[in-house]
């Protein structure tokens, strides 16, 4: 029999994170497009990002039938947060354009994120943006596939910190940190240190 879960954060009730999740206002609209394989993942950081942002939304699918309407939100300029040769580094509002961004963030493994872009040609057609400087990931439970790789939540926080400086969105990381600490406690420090290089 499965344990009772919080309807909001989807964690087991005894591990509910809702008290740590802020509700932050942002000029930027954040649209998180999650591959269905991520929904049951214990460290579902896209959900935490959507819950913590008043101007955030999480959609789950492989093909988004209403994507054209989602991207046509009046008053916003849609861009895809995804690295690539043609990706432009994010800069603070006012330096180049004052129109707030609709920041579209694919959520999944790199392979699944690329699949989302491939299956939704409107995503592939969007201008791409990326982070010029990346703070090292705090995601100590997954080995990063490459230097500079971040969890979805960390990528959103760092993007908003750049776009809306001096406003800081680090409060979004509180439930993420608690989630990771809880996972480390559950596996035991010795196991964590052996498997993940903790010191």
N, C-alpha and C. Protein backbone atom coordinates (compact mmCIF):
# COMPACT_ATOMS: atom_id res chain seq x y z
N UNK A 1 0.85 -1.19 0.00
CA UNK A 1 0.00 0.00 0.00
C UNK A 1 0.89 1.25 0.00
N UNK A 2 0.60 2.19 -0.88
CA UNK A 2 1.44 3.38 -0.98
C UNK A 2 1.15 4.35 0.16
N UNK A 3 2.18 5.10 0.52
CA UNK A 3 2.03 6.07 1.62
C UNK A 3 1.22 7.27 1.15
N UNK A 4 0.47 7.90 2.07
CA UNK A 4 -0.28 9.10 1.69
C UNK A 4 0.66 10.19 1.21
N UNK A 5 0.26 10.89 0.15
CA UNK A 5 1.11 11.92 -0.45
C UNK A 5 0.46 13.28 -0.37
N UNK A 6 1.31 14.30 -0.29
CA UNK A 6 0.83 15.68 -0.34
C UNK A 6 0.34 15.94 -1.76
N UNK A 7 -0.85 16.49 -1.88
CA UNK A 7 -1.43 16.75 -3.21
C UNK A 7 -0.67 17.85 -3.95
N UNK A 8 0.01 18.73 -3.20
CA UNK A 8 0.67 19.87 -3.83
C UNK A 8 2.09 19.52 -4.30
N UNK A 9 2.95 19.08 -3.38
CA UNK A 9 4.34 18.81 -3.76
C UNK A 9 4.56 17.37 -4.19
N UNK A 10 3.54 16.50 -3.96
CA UNK A 10 3.57 15.08 -4.36
C UNK A 10 4.55 14.24 -3.57
N UNK A 11 5.07 14.79 -2.48
CA UNK A 11 5.96 14.02 -1.61
C UNK A 11 5.12 13.24 -0.59
N UNK A 12 5.69 12.17 -0.02
CA UNK A 12 5.03 11.49 1.09
C UNK A 12 4.76 12.52 2.18
N UNK A 13 3.61 12.40 2.85
CA UNK A 13 3.19 13.44 3.81
C UNK A 13 4.26 13.73 4.86
N UNK A 14 4.96 12.69 5.32
CA UNK A 14 5.98 12.94 6.36
C UNK A 14 7.21 13.65 5.80
N UNK A 15 7.29 13.75 4.48
CA UNK A 15 8.42 14.45 3.85
C UNK A 15 7.94 15.64 3.01
N UNK A 16 6.75 16.15 3.33
CA UNK A 16 6.19 17.28 2.59
C UNK A 16 7.13 18.48 2.64
N UNK A 17 7.28 19.14 1.49
CA UNK A 17 8.20 20.28 1.38
C UNK A 17 7.48 21.63 1.31
N UNK A 18 6.15 21.60 1.39
CA UNK A 18 5.37 22.82 1.11
C UNK A 18 5.74 24.00 2.00
N UNK A 19 6.11 23.73 3.26
CA UNK A 19 6.44 24.84 4.17
C UNK A 19 7.71 25.56 3.73
N UNK A 20 8.53 24.91 2.89
CA UNK A 20 9.78 25.52 2.44
C UNK A 20 9.66 26.18 1.07
N UNK A 21 8.54 25.96 0.39
CA UNK A 21 8.38 26.47 -0.98
C UNK A 21 7.86 27.90 -0.93
N UNK A 22 8.61 28.87 -1.46
CA UNK A 22 8.15 30.26 -1.45
C UNK A 22 7.14 30.49 -2.57
N UNK A 23 6.57 31.68 -2.63
CA UNK A 23 5.75 32.09 -3.78
C UNK A 23 6.33 33.41 -4.24
N UNK A 24 7.21 33.35 -5.22
CA UNK A 24 7.95 34.52 -5.66
C UNK A 24 7.36 35.11 -6.94
N UNK A 25 7.28 36.42 -6.97
CA UNK A 25 6.84 37.13 -8.18
C UNK A 25 8.04 37.28 -9.12
N UNK A 26 7.79 37.22 -10.41
CA UNK A 26 8.84 37.47 -11.39
C UNK A 26 8.25 38.16 -12.61
N UNK A 27 9.06 39.01 -13.25
CA UNK A 27 8.63 39.60 -14.53
C UNK A 27 8.60 38.53 -15.61
N UNK A 28 9.55 37.63 -15.52
CA UNK A 28 9.69 36.56 -16.50
C UNK A 28 8.60 35.51 -16.27
N UNK A 29 8.01 35.04 -17.35
CA UNK A 29 7.09 33.91 -17.28
C UNK A 29 7.91 32.65 -17.53
N UNK A 30 7.80 31.66 -16.65
CA UNK A 30 8.57 30.42 -16.79
C UNK A 30 7.61 29.28 -17.13
N UNK A 31 7.81 28.70 -18.30
CA UNK A 31 6.99 27.57 -18.75
C UNK A 31 7.88 26.33 -18.76
N UNK A 32 7.58 25.40 -17.85
CA UNK A 32 8.36 24.17 -17.72
C UNK A 32 7.63 23.05 -18.44
N UNK A 33 8.30 22.46 -19.42
CA UNK A 33 7.71 21.38 -20.20
C UNK A 33 8.41 20.08 -19.80
N UNK A 34 7.68 19.26 -19.06
CA UNK A 34 8.30 18.08 -18.44
C UNK A 34 7.98 16.81 -19.22
N UNK A 35 9.03 16.04 -19.47
CA UNK A 35 8.82 14.72 -20.07
C UNK A 35 8.12 13.83 -19.04
N UNK A 36 7.13 13.03 -19.46
CA UNK A 36 6.37 12.22 -18.50
C UNK A 36 7.23 11.31 -17.63
N UNK A 37 8.39 10.89 -18.11
CA UNK A 37 9.25 9.99 -17.32
C UNK A 37 9.79 10.66 -16.05
N UNK A 38 9.73 11.99 -15.99
CA UNK A 38 10.27 12.72 -14.83
C UNK A 38 9.27 12.87 -13.69
N UNK A 39 7.98 12.66 -13.96
CA UNK A 39 6.96 13.01 -12.95
C UNK A 39 7.10 12.20 -11.66
N UNK A 40 7.49 10.93 -11.78
CA UNK A 40 7.58 10.08 -10.59
C UNK A 40 8.95 10.14 -9.94
N UNK A 41 9.86 10.92 -10.50
CA UNK A 41 11.22 10.98 -9.97
C UNK A 41 11.21 11.62 -8.58
N UNK A 42 11.96 11.02 -7.66
CA UNK A 42 12.00 11.53 -6.28
C UNK A 42 12.46 12.98 -6.21
N UNK A 43 13.37 13.36 -7.11
CA UNK A 43 13.88 14.73 -7.11
C UNK A 43 13.30 15.48 -8.31
N UNK A 44 12.00 15.75 -8.23
CA UNK A 44 11.29 16.40 -9.33
C UNK A 44 11.43 17.91 -9.17
N UNK A 45 12.55 18.47 -9.67
CA UNK A 45 12.83 19.88 -9.39
C UNK A 45 11.98 20.83 -10.22
N UNK A 46 11.48 20.38 -11.37
CA UNK A 46 10.62 21.26 -12.18
C UNK A 46 9.34 21.59 -11.43
N UNK A 47 8.79 20.61 -10.73
CA UNK A 47 7.58 20.86 -9.93
C UNK A 47 7.86 21.90 -8.85
N UNK A 48 9.02 21.79 -8.20
CA UNK A 48 9.38 22.76 -7.16
C UNK A 48 9.47 24.17 -7.75
N UNK A 49 10.03 24.28 -8.95
CA UNK A 49 10.15 25.59 -9.60
C UNK A 49 8.77 26.17 -9.89
N UNK A 50 7.88 25.35 -10.43
CA UNK A 50 6.54 25.83 -10.78
C UNK A 50 5.75 26.23 -9.54
N UNK A 51 5.88 25.46 -8.47
CA UNK A 51 5.16 25.78 -7.23
C UNK A 51 5.69 27.06 -6.59
N UNK A 52 6.98 27.34 -6.77
CA UNK A 52 7.59 28.48 -6.11
C UNK A 52 7.46 29.79 -6.86
N UNK A 53 6.99 29.74 -8.11
CA UNK A 53 6.88 30.96 -8.92
C UNK A 53 5.43 31.27 -9.24
N UNK A 54 4.99 32.46 -8.86
CA UNK A 54 3.63 32.89 -9.19
C UNK A 54 3.43 32.88 -10.70
N UNK A 55 4.49 33.28 -11.43
CA UNK A 55 4.42 33.39 -12.89
C UNK A 55 5.08 32.17 -13.55
N UNK A 56 4.86 30.99 -12.95
CA UNK A 56 5.42 29.76 -13.48
C UNK A 56 4.32 28.76 -13.77
N UNK A 57 4.57 27.87 -14.71
CA UNK A 57 3.59 26.85 -15.08
C UNK A 57 4.32 25.58 -15.50
N UNK A 58 3.79 24.44 -15.06
CA UNK A 58 4.36 23.15 -15.41
C UNK A 58 3.36 22.38 -16.27
N UNK A 59 3.81 21.91 -17.42
CA UNK A 59 3.02 21.04 -18.29
C UNK A 59 3.78 19.74 -18.48
N UNK A 60 3.05 18.63 -18.51
CA UNK A 60 3.67 17.31 -18.66
C UNK A 60 3.11 16.63 -19.91
N UNK A 61 3.99 16.27 -20.82
CA UNK A 61 3.60 15.56 -22.05
C UNK A 61 4.86 15.30 -22.86
N UNK A 62 4.71 14.52 -23.94
CA UNK A 62 5.78 14.41 -24.93
C UNK A 62 5.49 15.35 -26.08
N UNK A 63 4.20 15.44 -26.43
CA UNK A 63 3.77 16.36 -27.48
C UNK A 63 2.73 17.29 -26.86
N UNK A 64 2.97 18.60 -26.98
CA UNK A 64 2.10 19.60 -26.35
C UNK A 64 1.15 20.17 -27.40
N UNK A 65 -0.10 19.70 -27.38
CA UNK A 65 -1.06 20.07 -28.42
C UNK A 65 -1.37 21.56 -28.42
N UNK A 66 -1.30 22.20 -27.25
CA UNK A 66 -1.65 23.62 -27.14
C UNK A 66 -0.41 24.52 -27.09
N UNK A 67 0.72 24.02 -27.58
CA UNK A 67 1.97 24.77 -27.47
C UNK A 67 1.91 26.11 -28.17
N UNK A 68 1.26 26.17 -29.33
CA UNK A 68 1.18 27.44 -30.06
C UNK A 68 0.51 28.52 -29.21
N UNK A 69 -0.57 28.15 -28.53
CA UNK A 69 -1.27 29.11 -27.65
C UNK A 69 -0.41 29.49 -26.45
N UNK A 70 0.30 28.51 -25.88
CA UNK A 70 1.16 28.79 -24.72
C UNK A 70 2.27 29.77 -25.08
N UNK A 71 2.80 29.65 -26.30
CA UNK A 71 3.92 30.50 -26.71
C UNK A 71 3.46 31.89 -27.17
N UNK A 72 2.18 32.03 -27.45
CA UNK A 72 1.65 33.30 -27.98
C UNK A 72 1.13 34.21 -26.88
N UNK A 73 1.62 34.03 -25.68
CA UNK A 73 1.16 34.83 -24.53
C UNK A 73 1.48 36.31 -24.77
N UNK A 74 0.46 37.18 -24.78
CA UNK A 74 0.71 38.61 -25.06
C UNK A 74 1.66 39.23 -24.04
N UNK A 75 2.55 40.08 -24.54
CA UNK A 75 3.45 40.83 -23.65
C UNK A 75 4.73 40.12 -23.30
N UNK A 76 4.96 38.93 -23.88
CA UNK A 76 6.17 38.18 -23.58
C UNK A 76 6.86 37.76 -24.88
N UNK A 77 8.18 37.61 -24.78
CA UNK A 77 8.99 37.16 -25.92
C UNK A 77 9.49 35.74 -25.61
N UNK A 78 8.96 34.72 -26.33
CA UNK A 78 9.33 33.34 -25.99
C UNK A 78 10.75 32.99 -26.44
N UNK A 79 11.47 32.32 -25.56
CA UNK A 79 12.81 31.80 -25.85
C UNK A 79 12.94 30.43 -25.20
N UNK A 80 13.84 29.62 -25.74
CA UNK A 80 14.07 28.27 -25.23
C UNK A 80 15.38 28.25 -24.45
N UNK A 81 15.31 27.86 -23.18
CA UNK A 81 16.53 27.73 -22.36
C UNK A 81 17.15 26.37 -22.65
N UNK A 82 18.13 26.36 -23.54
CA UNK A 82 18.78 25.12 -23.93
C UNK A 82 20.10 25.46 -24.61
N UNK A 83 21.17 24.79 -24.22
CA UNK A 83 22.47 25.13 -24.80
C UNK A 83 22.56 24.73 -26.27
N UNK A 84 23.52 25.31 -26.94
CA UNK A 84 23.75 25.02 -28.35
C UNK A 84 24.60 26.12 -28.95
N UNK A 85 25.17 25.87 -30.11
CA UNK A 85 26.05 26.85 -30.73
C UNK A 85 25.36 28.19 -30.98
N UNK A 86 24.06 28.12 -31.31
CA UNK A 86 23.33 29.35 -31.65
C UNK A 86 22.69 30.02 -30.43
N UNK A 87 22.84 29.42 -29.24
CA UNK A 87 22.22 29.97 -28.03
C UNK A 87 22.92 31.26 -27.60
N UNK A 88 22.13 32.29 -27.31
CA UNK A 88 22.65 33.58 -26.86
C UNK A 88 22.68 33.62 -25.34
N UNK A 89 23.73 34.17 -24.75
CA UNK A 89 23.77 34.26 -23.28
C UNK A 89 22.70 35.22 -22.75
N UNK A 90 22.08 34.83 -21.67
CA UNK A 90 21.08 35.69 -21.03
C UNK A 90 21.74 36.92 -20.45
N UNK A 91 21.04 38.06 -20.54
CA UNK A 91 21.51 39.30 -19.93
C UNK A 91 20.35 39.94 -19.18
N UNK A 92 20.66 40.85 -18.29
CA UNK A 92 19.64 41.49 -17.47
C UNK A 92 18.72 42.34 -18.33
N UNK A 93 17.47 42.43 -17.94
CA UNK A 93 16.53 43.29 -18.63
C UNK A 93 17.06 44.72 -18.64
N UNK A 94 16.84 45.40 -19.74
CA UNK A 94 17.29 46.78 -19.85
C UNK A 94 18.59 46.91 -20.62
N UNK A 95 19.40 45.83 -20.64
CA UNK A 95 20.66 45.89 -21.38
C UNK A 95 20.43 45.74 -22.88
N UNK A 96 19.44 44.92 -23.24
CA UNK A 96 19.17 44.71 -24.66
C UNK A 96 17.71 44.95 -25.01
N UNK A 97 16.80 44.40 -24.23
CA UNK A 97 15.37 44.48 -24.53
C UNK A 97 14.61 44.45 -23.23
N UNK A 98 13.63 45.32 -23.08
CA UNK A 98 12.85 45.37 -21.85
C UNK A 98 11.65 44.44 -21.87
N UNK A 99 11.34 43.84 -23.02
CA UNK A 99 10.20 42.93 -23.08
C UNK A 99 10.49 41.70 -22.24
N UNK A 100 9.64 41.39 -21.25
CA UNK A 100 9.92 40.21 -20.43
C UNK A 100 9.88 38.93 -21.26
N UNK A 101 10.68 37.98 -20.85
CA UNK A 101 10.76 36.71 -21.57
C UNK A 101 9.71 35.72 -21.09
N UNK A 102 9.27 34.90 -22.02
CA UNK A 102 8.59 33.65 -21.69
C UNK A 102 9.70 32.61 -21.81
N UNK A 103 10.23 32.21 -20.67
CA UNK A 103 11.38 31.30 -20.64
C UNK A 103 10.86 29.86 -20.67
N UNK A 104 11.05 29.20 -21.79
CA UNK A 104 10.56 27.83 -21.96
C UNK A 104 11.69 26.88 -21.59
N UNK A 105 11.41 25.99 -20.63
CA UNK A 105 12.45 25.13 -20.06
C UNK A 105 12.05 23.67 -20.21
N UNK A 106 12.70 22.91 -21.10
CA UNK A 106 12.41 21.48 -21.19
C UNK A 106 12.99 20.76 -19.98
N UNK A 107 12.24 19.82 -19.42
CA UNK A 107 12.67 19.12 -18.21
C UNK A 107 12.72 17.61 -18.45
N UNK A 108 13.89 17.05 -18.26
CA UNK A 108 14.11 15.62 -18.43
C UNK A 108 15.60 15.38 -18.54
N UNK A 109 16.00 14.14 -18.72
CA UNK A 109 17.41 13.87 -19.01
C UNK A 109 17.76 14.63 -20.28
N UNK A 110 19.05 14.77 -20.57
CA UNK A 110 19.43 15.47 -21.81
C UNK A 110 18.77 14.81 -23.02
N UNK A 111 18.75 13.48 -23.02
CA UNK A 111 18.17 12.76 -24.15
C UNK A 111 16.67 13.03 -24.27
N UNK A 112 15.98 13.02 -23.12
CA UNK A 112 14.53 13.26 -23.14
C UNK A 112 14.22 14.71 -23.48
N UNK A 113 15.04 15.64 -23.00
CA UNK A 113 14.83 17.06 -23.33
C UNK A 113 14.99 17.29 -24.83
N UNK A 114 16.02 16.67 -25.41
CA UNK A 114 16.21 16.79 -26.86
C UNK A 114 15.03 16.18 -27.62
N UNK A 115 14.48 15.09 -27.07
CA UNK A 115 13.32 14.45 -27.70
C UNK A 115 12.12 15.39 -27.68
N UNK A 116 11.91 16.08 -26.55
CA UNK A 116 10.80 17.04 -26.46
C UNK A 116 10.93 18.11 -27.55
N UNK A 117 12.14 18.59 -27.75
CA UNK A 117 12.37 19.63 -28.76
C UNK A 117 12.12 19.07 -30.16
N UNK A 118 12.56 17.84 -30.39
CA UNK A 118 12.38 17.20 -31.69
C UNK A 118 10.89 16.96 -31.99
N UNK A 119 10.15 16.50 -30.98
CA UNK A 119 8.73 16.17 -31.18
C UNK A 119 7.83 17.39 -31.24
N UNK A 120 8.35 18.54 -30.82
CA UNK A 120 7.56 19.78 -30.82
C UNK A 120 8.32 20.83 -31.64
N UNK A 121 8.12 20.83 -32.96
CA UNK A 121 8.90 21.72 -33.84
C UNK A 121 8.83 23.20 -33.47
N UNK A 122 7.74 23.62 -32.82
CA UNK A 122 7.66 25.02 -32.39
C UNK A 122 8.76 25.35 -31.38
N UNK A 123 9.16 24.37 -30.59
CA UNK A 123 10.26 24.59 -29.64
C UNK A 123 11.57 24.76 -30.38
N UNK A 124 11.78 23.89 -31.36
CA UNK A 124 13.03 23.95 -32.13
C UNK A 124 13.17 25.27 -32.86
N UNK A 125 12.04 25.91 -33.18
CA UNK A 125 12.07 27.17 -33.93
C UNK A 125 12.31 28.39 -33.04
N UNK A 126 12.23 28.22 -31.73
CA UNK A 126 12.41 29.36 -30.82
C UNK A 126 13.87 29.79 -30.76
N UNK A 127 14.11 31.10 -30.54
CA UNK A 127 15.49 31.53 -30.25
C UNK A 127 15.96 30.84 -28.98
N UNK A 128 17.22 30.40 -28.97
CA UNK A 128 17.76 29.72 -27.79
C UNK A 128 18.58 30.67 -26.94
N UNK A 129 18.48 30.46 -25.63
CA UNK A 129 19.28 31.23 -24.68
C UNK A 129 19.98 30.25 -23.74
N UNK A 130 21.06 30.73 -23.14
CA UNK A 130 21.81 29.89 -22.22
C UNK A 130 22.45 30.77 -21.14
N UNK A 131 22.98 30.14 -20.12
CA UNK A 131 23.68 30.86 -19.06
C UNK A 131 25.14 31.01 -19.44
N UNK A 132 25.64 32.23 -19.38
CA UNK A 132 27.03 32.47 -19.73
C UNK A 132 27.97 31.94 -18.65
N UNK A 133 27.59 32.20 -17.41
CA UNK A 133 28.38 31.70 -16.28
C UNK A 133 27.47 30.87 -15.40
N UNK A 134 27.94 29.68 -15.06
CA UNK A 134 27.12 28.75 -14.30
C UNK A 134 27.75 28.51 -12.93
N UNK A 135 26.97 28.71 -11.88
CA UNK A 135 27.41 28.35 -10.53
C UNK A 135 27.35 26.83 -10.43
N UNK A 136 28.34 26.19 -9.83
CA UNK A 136 28.33 24.72 -9.75
C UNK A 136 27.04 24.18 -9.13
N UNK A 137 26.59 23.06 -9.63
CA UNK A 137 25.34 22.45 -9.16
C UNK A 137 25.45 21.99 -7.72
N UNK A 138 24.33 22.12 -7.01
CA UNK A 138 24.25 21.58 -5.64
C UNK A 138 23.62 20.18 -5.66
N UNK A 139 23.35 19.69 -6.85
CA UNK A 139 22.66 18.42 -7.03
C UNK A 139 23.64 17.28 -6.81
N UNK A 140 23.86 16.93 -5.54
CA UNK A 140 24.94 15.99 -5.20
C UNK A 140 24.55 14.52 -5.41
N UNK A 141 23.30 14.26 -5.79
CA UNK A 141 22.86 12.88 -5.89
C UNK A 141 22.87 12.33 -7.31
N UNK A 142 23.09 13.18 -8.28
CA UNK A 142 23.18 12.72 -9.67
C UNK A 142 24.51 13.18 -10.23
N UNK A 143 25.18 12.29 -10.90
CA UNK A 143 26.45 12.67 -11.53
C UNK A 143 26.12 13.50 -12.76
N UNK A 144 26.68 14.70 -12.83
CA UNK A 144 26.43 15.58 -13.97
C UNK A 144 27.05 14.97 -15.22
N UNK A 145 26.30 14.98 -16.35
CA UNK A 145 26.84 14.41 -17.58
C UNK A 145 28.01 15.22 -18.13
N UNK A 146 28.09 16.49 -17.74
CA UNK A 146 29.19 17.34 -18.20
C UNK A 146 29.34 18.50 -17.24
N UNK A 147 30.49 19.15 -17.26
CA UNK A 147 30.71 20.31 -16.40
C UNK A 147 29.68 21.38 -16.72
N UNK A 148 29.14 22.02 -15.69
CA UNK A 148 28.17 23.09 -15.92
C UNK A 148 26.74 22.62 -15.99
N UNK A 149 26.51 21.30 -15.89
CA UNK A 149 25.14 20.79 -15.93
C UNK A 149 24.43 21.11 -14.62
N UNK A 150 23.16 21.50 -14.73
CA UNK A 150 22.37 21.89 -13.56
C UNK A 150 21.06 21.12 -13.54
N UNK A 151 20.46 21.02 -12.37
CA UNK A 151 19.08 20.55 -12.31
C UNK A 151 18.19 21.62 -12.93
N UNK A 152 16.98 21.25 -13.29
CA UNK A 152 16.05 22.21 -13.89
C UNK A 152 15.81 23.40 -12.97
N UNK A 153 15.59 23.13 -11.69
CA UNK A 153 15.34 24.20 -10.73
C UNK A 153 16.53 25.16 -10.65
N UNK A 154 17.74 24.61 -10.58
CA UNK A 154 18.93 25.47 -10.51
C UNK A 154 19.07 26.33 -11.76
N UNK A 155 18.78 25.74 -12.92
CA UNK A 155 18.87 26.50 -14.18
C UNK A 155 17.86 27.65 -14.19
N UNK A 156 16.67 27.40 -13.68
CA UNK A 156 15.64 28.45 -13.62
C UNK A 156 16.08 29.56 -12.66
N UNK A 157 16.56 29.17 -11.47
CA UNK A 157 16.99 30.17 -10.48
C UNK A 157 18.13 31.02 -11.03
N UNK A 158 19.14 30.38 -11.61
CA UNK A 158 20.26 31.16 -12.13
C UNK A 158 19.84 32.05 -13.29
N UNK A 159 18.92 31.59 -14.12
CA UNK A 159 18.42 32.40 -15.23
C UNK A 159 17.68 33.63 -14.72
N UNK A 160 16.81 33.44 -13.75
CA UNK A 160 16.05 34.56 -13.20
C UNK A 160 16.97 35.54 -12.47
N UNK A 161 17.99 35.01 -11.79
CA UNK A 161 18.94 35.90 -11.10
C UNK A 161 19.68 36.80 -12.09
N UNK A 162 19.96 36.28 -13.29
CA UNK A 162 20.61 37.08 -14.32
C UNK A 162 19.62 38.08 -14.91
N UNK A 163 18.46 37.60 -15.32
CA UNK A 163 17.48 38.45 -16.01
C UNK A 163 16.98 39.59 -15.13
N UNK A 164 16.71 39.30 -13.85
CA UNK A 164 16.00 40.25 -13.01
C UNK A 164 16.88 40.84 -11.91
N UNK A 165 18.20 40.75 -12.08
CA UNK A 165 19.13 41.34 -11.10
C UNK A 165 18.75 42.80 -10.87
N UNK A 166 18.83 43.26 -9.62
CA UNK A 166 19.42 42.63 -8.43
C UNK A 166 18.45 41.74 -7.63
N UNK A 167 17.23 41.50 -8.14
CA UNK A 167 16.32 40.59 -7.44
C UNK A 167 16.96 39.20 -7.39
N UNK A 168 16.82 38.52 -6.25
CA UNK A 168 17.44 37.20 -6.07
C UNK A 168 16.35 36.15 -5.85
N UNK A 169 16.49 35.04 -6.56
CA UNK A 169 15.49 33.96 -6.51
C UNK A 169 16.02 32.72 -5.79
N UNK A 170 17.11 32.87 -5.02
CA UNK A 170 17.72 31.72 -4.36
C UNK A 170 16.78 31.03 -3.36
N UNK A 171 15.74 31.74 -2.88
CA UNK A 171 14.79 31.11 -1.94
C UNK A 171 14.11 29.90 -2.56
N UNK A 172 14.07 29.84 -3.89
CA UNK A 172 13.48 28.67 -4.56
C UNK A 172 14.28 27.41 -4.30
N UNK A 173 15.54 27.56 -3.89
CA UNK A 173 16.41 26.40 -3.68
C UNK A 173 16.22 25.75 -2.30
N UNK A 174 15.49 26.40 -1.40
CA UNK A 174 15.34 25.86 -0.03
C UNK A 174 14.75 24.45 -0.02
N UNK A 175 13.61 24.21 -0.70
CA UNK A 175 13.08 22.84 -0.67
C UNK A 175 13.99 21.84 -1.38
N UNK A 176 14.70 22.31 -2.39
CA UNK A 176 15.65 21.47 -3.14
C UNK A 176 16.76 20.99 -2.21
N UNK A 177 17.32 21.92 -1.42
CA UNK A 177 18.38 21.57 -0.47
C UNK A 177 17.85 20.58 0.57
N UNK A 178 16.64 20.81 1.06
CA UNK A 178 16.05 19.92 2.07
C UNK A 178 15.82 18.53 1.48
N UNK A 179 15.38 18.50 0.23
CA UNK A 179 15.15 17.24 -0.47
C UNK A 179 16.43 16.43 -0.57
N UNK A 180 17.50 17.09 -0.95
CA UNK A 180 18.79 16.40 -1.11
C UNK A 180 19.31 15.93 0.25
N UNK A 181 19.23 16.79 1.27
CA UNK A 181 19.68 16.39 2.61
C UNK A 181 18.89 15.18 3.11
N UNK A 182 17.58 15.18 2.85
CA UNK A 182 16.74 14.06 3.26
C UNK A 182 17.13 12.77 2.56
N UNK A 183 17.44 12.85 1.27
CA UNK A 183 17.87 11.67 0.51
C UNK A 183 19.20 11.15 1.04
N UNK A 184 20.12 12.06 1.37
CA UNK A 184 21.42 11.65 1.90
C UNK A 184 21.25 10.97 3.26
N UNK A 185 20.39 11.54 4.12
CA UNK A 185 20.14 10.92 5.43
C UNK A 185 19.56 9.52 5.25
N UNK A 186 18.63 9.39 4.28
CA UNK A 186 17.95 8.10 4.06
C UNK A 186 18.94 7.02 3.59
N UNK A 187 19.90 7.39 2.77
CA UNK A 187 20.85 6.39 2.26
C UNK A 187 22.01 6.17 3.23
N UNK A 188 22.22 7.12 4.15
CA UNK A 188 23.34 7.02 5.09
C UNK A 188 24.56 7.72 4.52
N UNK A 189 25.28 8.43 5.40
CA UNK A 189 26.41 9.24 4.93
C UNK A 189 27.50 8.38 4.29
N UNK A 190 27.76 7.19 4.87
CA UNK A 190 28.82 6.34 4.31
C UNK A 190 28.49 5.93 2.89
N UNK A 191 27.24 5.54 2.65
CA UNK A 191 26.82 5.13 1.31
C UNK A 191 26.91 6.30 0.36
N UNK A 192 26.47 7.48 0.81
CA UNK A 192 26.55 8.67 -0.04
C UNK A 192 28.01 8.98 -0.40
N UNK A 193 28.87 8.95 0.61
CA UNK A 193 30.29 9.27 0.39
C UNK A 193 30.92 8.27 -0.58
N UNK A 194 30.57 7.00 -0.44
CA UNK A 194 31.14 5.96 -1.31
C UNK A 194 30.64 6.11 -2.75
N UNK A 195 29.36 6.39 -2.93
CA UNK A 195 28.76 6.43 -4.26
C UNK A 195 28.82 7.79 -4.96
N UNK A 196 28.90 8.86 -4.17
CA UNK A 196 28.80 10.19 -4.76
C UNK A 196 29.99 11.08 -4.42
N UNK A 197 31.00 10.52 -3.79
CA UNK A 197 32.21 11.29 -3.51
C UNK A 197 32.03 12.35 -2.46
N UNK A 198 31.09 12.15 -1.52
CA UNK A 198 30.94 13.12 -0.44
C UNK A 198 32.17 13.12 0.43
N UNK A 199 32.45 14.26 1.08
CA UNK A 199 33.64 14.30 1.95
C UNK A 199 33.30 14.88 3.29
